[in-house]
């Protein structure tokens, strides 16, 4: 399964404000806009303020990055302890998920 999402600040006033705030508070951060792929630094709204963070969740006991939480299934038990204490909002214009052809 492949995943990416889009951040286009020029299409939305709120998105522009979020990006501007992150650039102001974190001027040295390599913030990515446009098409965001796993592990790229992107705008995230955490409990305190917008901030630049990598897309995906790295866990010691799981190979690779976790990208979303589907209801039920194996990932649900992986995300449950984290969701109980930590949440964030990922501002996006679109979210894509696909399976490559073999």
C-alpha atoms as a PDB file:
ATOM      1  CA  UNK A   1       0.000   0.000   0.000  1.00  0.00           C
ATOM      2  CA  UNK A   2       1.335   3.429  -0.939  1.00  0.00           C
ATOM      3  CA  UNK A   3       0.241   6.684   0.668  1.00  0.00           C
ATOM      4  CA  UNK A   4       0.790  10.386   0.086  1.00  0.00           C
ATOM      5  CA  UNK A   5      -1.138  13.603   0.550  1.00  0.00           C
ATOM      6  CA  UNK A   6      -1.158  17.116  -0.852  1.00  0.00           C
ATOM      7  CA  UNK A   7      -0.608  20.474   0.825  1.00  0.00           C
ATOM      8  CA  UNK A   8      -1.261  23.459  -1.424  1.00  0.00           C
ATOM      9  CA  UNK A   9      -1.096  26.673   0.649  1.00  0.00           C
ATOM     10  CA  UNK A  10      -2.038  28.798  -2.359  1.00  0.00           C
ATOM     11  CA  UNK A  11      -5.478  27.139  -2.558  1.00  0.00           C
ATOM     12  CA  UNK A  12      -6.682  27.828   0.972  1.00  0.00           C
ATOM     13  CA  UNK A  13      -6.374  30.782   3.377  1.00  0.00           C
ATOM     14  CA  UNK A  14      -6.270  28.567   6.489  1.00  0.00           C
ATOM     15  CA  UNK A  15      -3.536  26.403   4.945  1.00  0.00           C
ATOM     16  CA  UNK A  16      -1.512  29.538   4.117  1.00  0.00           C
ATOM     17  CA  UNK A  17      -1.847  30.716   7.729  1.00  0.00           C
ATOM     18  CA  UNK A  18      -0.699  27.347   9.101  1.00  0.00           C
ATOM     19  CA  UNK A  19       2.334  27.247   6.790  1.00  0.00           C
ATOM     20  CA  UNK A  20       3.221  30.877   7.606  1.00  0.00           C
ATOM     21  CA  UNK A  21       3.078  30.191  11.334  1.00  0.00           C
ATOM     22  CA  UNK A  22       5.338  27.132  11.018  1.00  0.00           C
ATOM     23  CA  UNK A  23       7.855  29.032   8.878  1.00  0.00           C
ATOM     24  CA  UNK A  24       7.860  31.882  11.409  1.00  0.00           C
ATOM     25  CA  UNK A  25       8.414  29.611  14.451  1.00  0.00           C
ATOM     26  CA  UNK A  26      10.724  27.096  12.745  1.00  0.00           C
ATOM     27  CA  UNK A  27      12.663  29.049  10.076  1.00  0.00           C
ATOM     28  CA  UNK A  28      15.386  26.382   9.697  1.00  0.00           C
ATOM     29  CA  UNK A  29      12.939  23.503   9.141  1.00  0.00           C
ATOM     30  CA  UNK A  30      12.891  21.867   5.679  1.00  0.00           C
ATOM     31  CA  UNK A  31       9.093  22.061   5.387  1.00  0.00           C
ATOM     32  CA  UNK A  32       7.606  20.280   2.364  1.00  0.00           C
ATOM     33  CA  UNK A  33       4.501  21.423   0.509  1.00  0.00           C
ATOM     34  CA  UNK A  34       2.885  19.997  -2.618  1.00  0.00           C
ATOM     35  CA  UNK A  35       2.839  16.190  -2.649  1.00  0.00           C
ATOM     36  CA  UNK A  36       3.970  14.808   0.735  1.00  0.00           C
ATOM     37  CA  UNK A  37       5.463  11.313   0.878  1.00  0.00           C
ATOM     38  CA  UNK A  38       6.199   9.232   4.013  1.00  0.00           C
ATOM     39  CA  UNK A  39       9.127  10.522   6.107  1.00  0.00           C
ATOM     40  CA  UNK A  40       9.056  14.020   4.530  1.00  0.00           C
ATOM     41  CA  UNK A  41       8.788  16.977   6.906  1.00  0.00           C
ATOM     42  CA  UNK A  42       5.292  18.435   6.654  1.00  0.00           C
ATOM     43  CA  UNK A  43       2.968  20.764   8.577  1.00  0.00           C
ATOM     44  CA  UNK A  44       1.255  19.112  11.550  1.00  0.00           C
ATOM     45  CA  UNK A  45      -1.042  20.716  14.113  1.00  0.00           C
ATOM     46  CA  UNK A  46      -0.184  19.296  17.524  1.00  0.00           C
ATOM     47  CA  UNK A  47      -1.712  19.985  20.930  1.00  0.00           C
ATOM     48  CA  UNK A  48       0.219  23.253  21.363  1.00  0.00           C
ATOM     49  CA  UNK A  49       0.773  24.774  17.925  1.00  0.00           C
ATOM     50  CA  UNK A  50       1.449  23.960  14.278  1.00  0.00           C
ATOM     51  CA  UNK A  51       4.890  22.422  13.804  1.00  0.00           C
ATOM     52  CA  UNK A  52       7.004  20.622  11.209  1.00  0.00           C
ATOM     53  CA  UNK A  53       7.061  16.842  11.722  1.00  0.00           C
ATOM     54  CA  UNK A  54       7.762  13.811   9.519  1.00  0.00           C
ATOM     55  CA  UNK A  55       4.788  12.153   7.804  1.00  0.00           C
ATOM     56  CA  UNK A  56       4.425   8.725   9.418  1.00  0.00           C
ATOM     57  CA  UNK A  57       4.904   7.231  12.837  1.00  0.00           C
ATOM     58  CA  UNK A  58       8.059   5.300  13.667  1.00  0.00           C
ATOM     59  CA  UNK A  59       7.695   2.642  16.374  1.00  0.00           C
ATOM     60  CA  UNK A  60      10.491   0.529  17.844  1.00  0.00           C
ATOM     61  CA  UNK A  61       8.483  -2.685  17.530  1.00  0.00           C
ATOM     62  CA  UNK A  62       7.221  -2.130  13.951  1.00  0.00           C
ATOM     63  CA  UNK A  63       9.248  -2.174  10.720  1.00  0.00           C
ATOM     64  CA  UNK A  64       8.688   0.885   8.546  1.00  0.00           C
ATOM     65  CA  UNK A  65       6.408   3.848   9.134  1.00  0.00           C
ATOM     66  CA  UNK A  66       2.776   3.585  10.196  1.00  0.00           C
ATOM     67  CA  UNK A  67       0.721   6.000   8.125  1.00  0.00           C
ATOM     68  CA  UNK A  68      -2.903   5.638   9.120  1.00  0.00           C
ATOM     69  CA  UNK A  69      -5.181   3.903  11.587  1.00  0.00           C
ATOM     70  CA  UNK A  70      -7.893   1.821  10.024  1.00  0.00           C
ATOM     71  CA  UNK A  71     -10.685   0.680  12.281  1.00  0.00           C
ATOM     72  CA  UNK A  72      -9.936  -2.850  13.441  1.00  0.00           C
ATOM     73  CA  UNK A  73      -7.106  -5.007  12.169  1.00  0.00           C
ATOM     74  CA  UNK A  74      -3.477  -5.257  13.189  1.00  0.00           C
ATOM     75  CA  UNK A  75      -2.690  -1.528  13.073  1.00  0.00           C
ATOM     76  CA  UNK A  76      -5.508  -0.760  15.505  1.00  0.00           C
ATOM     77  CA  UNK A  77      -3.691  -2.472  18.379  1.00  0.00           C
ATOM     78  CA  UNK A  78      -0.461  -0.697  17.403  1.00  0.00           C
ATOM     79  CA  UNK A  79      -2.059   2.739  17.451  1.00  0.00           C
ATOM     80  CA  UNK A  80      -4.342   2.284  20.485  1.00  0.00           C
ATOM     81  CA  UNK A  81      -1.810   3.214  23.219  1.00  0.00           C
ATOM     82  CA  UNK A  82      -0.666   6.263  21.258  1.00  0.00           C
ATOM     83  CA  UNK A  83      -4.177   7.486  20.456  1.00  0.00           C
ATOM     84  CA  UNK A  84      -5.094   7.340  24.125  1.00  0.00           C
ATOM     85  CA  UNK A  85      -2.583  10.102  24.929  1.00  0.00           C
ATOM     86  CA  UNK A  86      -1.445  11.826  21.712  1.00  0.00           C
ATOM     87  CA  UNK A  87      -3.291  13.179  18.702  1.00  0.00           C
ATOM     88  CA  UNK A  88      -2.561  15.613  15.915  1.00  0.00           C
ATOM     89  CA  UNK A  89      -4.229  17.110  12.873  1.00  0.00           C
ATOM     90  CA  UNK A  90      -2.661  16.794   9.431  1.00  0.00           C
ATOM     91  CA  UNK A  91      -3.812  19.681   7.232  1.00  0.00           C
ATOM     92  CA  UNK A  92      -4.201  18.372   3.689  1.00  0.00           C
ATOM     93  CA  UNK A  93      -5.938  19.330   0.473  1.00  0.00           C
ATOM     94  CA  UNK A  94      -6.170  15.650  -0.534  1.00  0.00           C
ATOM     95  CA  UNK A  95      -5.098  12.213   0.710  1.00  0.00           C
ATOM     96  CA  UNK A  96      -4.130   9.370  -1.631  1.00  0.00           C
ATOM     97  CA  UNK A  97      -3.770   5.660  -0.972  1.00  0.00           C
ATOM     98  CA  UNK A  98      -3.150   3.021  -3.641  1.00  0.00           C
ATOM     99  CA  UNK A  99      -1.698  -0.417  -4.289  1.00  0.00           C
ATOM    100  CA  UNK A 100       0.984  -0.540  -6.979  1.00  0.00           C
ATOM    101  CA  UNK A 101       0.525  -3.004  -9.836  1.00  0.00           C
ATOM    102  CA  UNK A 102       2.791  -6.008  -9.711  1.00  0.00           C
END
